[in-house]
Amino acid sequence: MTGFGRAQKELSNELITLEISSVNKKNFEVVLSGPREWQSFEIPASKKINALIERGRIRISLSVESPPRDSPSLFDKSRMDQELDQFKDLVQSYGHDVVVNPQIILDLLKLRSSDENLVANISEVIDSLYYLLDQSLKELMKMKTLEGEILKKDMINRVSHILKLTKQTEIESLNMTKEWKNKLLLRLKNSGLDLDVEDERVLKEVSLFSEKSDITEEITRIKSHIEQLQITFEQSGSIGRKIEFLLQELGREFNTICSKSCKIECTQLVLEARSELEKLREQVLNIE
């Protein structure tokens, strides 16, 4: 299921922001983006998240925002003169001369910029990162729980409708085997073939053929799968895969009924049930 959480904390005059989002995926995956120095946080964060979420793609975004500084301009000449003097002294202490050129100035500016953009070592901020992760996870789980309740209500209603259609199909299928047998015998009589419809062997073959239209076993299995679905909806933890399996089995039973049915009323009911089943299959993609 989808979810989003965000938390912020000030640390050493810097604002650290952690955002976490989740989308559906069959397996569990965590991806962290942020300062290179904090990439090692991905492993402990994954373990903490996995204790709450078993499936899905989780993205963690870490950012550091420094407050505005009254720092000199990048091209402040007096500051550059001071830095160049320090650089000359350093190089000359090793017995070399320095000829100032544009490239040296650019290199010094790069060094200054990289030094100003350094972030704290992860050991200094690890407690804050855990705190931010906990806070953002709370928001994410609230969002996922709300979405889950909505999905649960929708799926329960659809499953109840499928059960109602199944019961109607069961009623419509009463005596369907006998009706099918009588229709076959009538067709044989009207076919003009040189067959004795009262012959025991013919009756036996007709009976075997007509029994293939019996959907009692399929109806029983459908009711059993629906009961398992209703129980699963009330369970905690990761239930998405189990629901997927049960919906797959329901689909097989409804397909079998369609191939067996010799009554248009039964076929229409089963087709409506299959339509609801397809909507359930789409919904289950969002379930953890």
Foldseek 3Di string as FASTA:
>chain_A
DWFKFKDWDDDPQKIKIKIKIWFFDPAEEEAEDEDPLQRVVRVVLSVVVCVPDGGTYMYMYMYIGHDDDPDDDLVDPVVLVVVVVVVQVVVVVVPDGDDDDPVVSVVVSVVVVVVVPDDDHCVVCVVVVVVRSVRRVVRGVVVVVVVLVVLLVLLLVLLVLLLVLLVVLVVVCVCQLVVQLVVVLVCVVVVPDPDDCVDPVNSVVSSVVSCLLDLVVLSVVSVVLSVVVVVLSPDDDACLVVNLVSLVSNVVSLVSNCVNDPDPSSNVSSVVSVVSSVVNNVSSSRGD
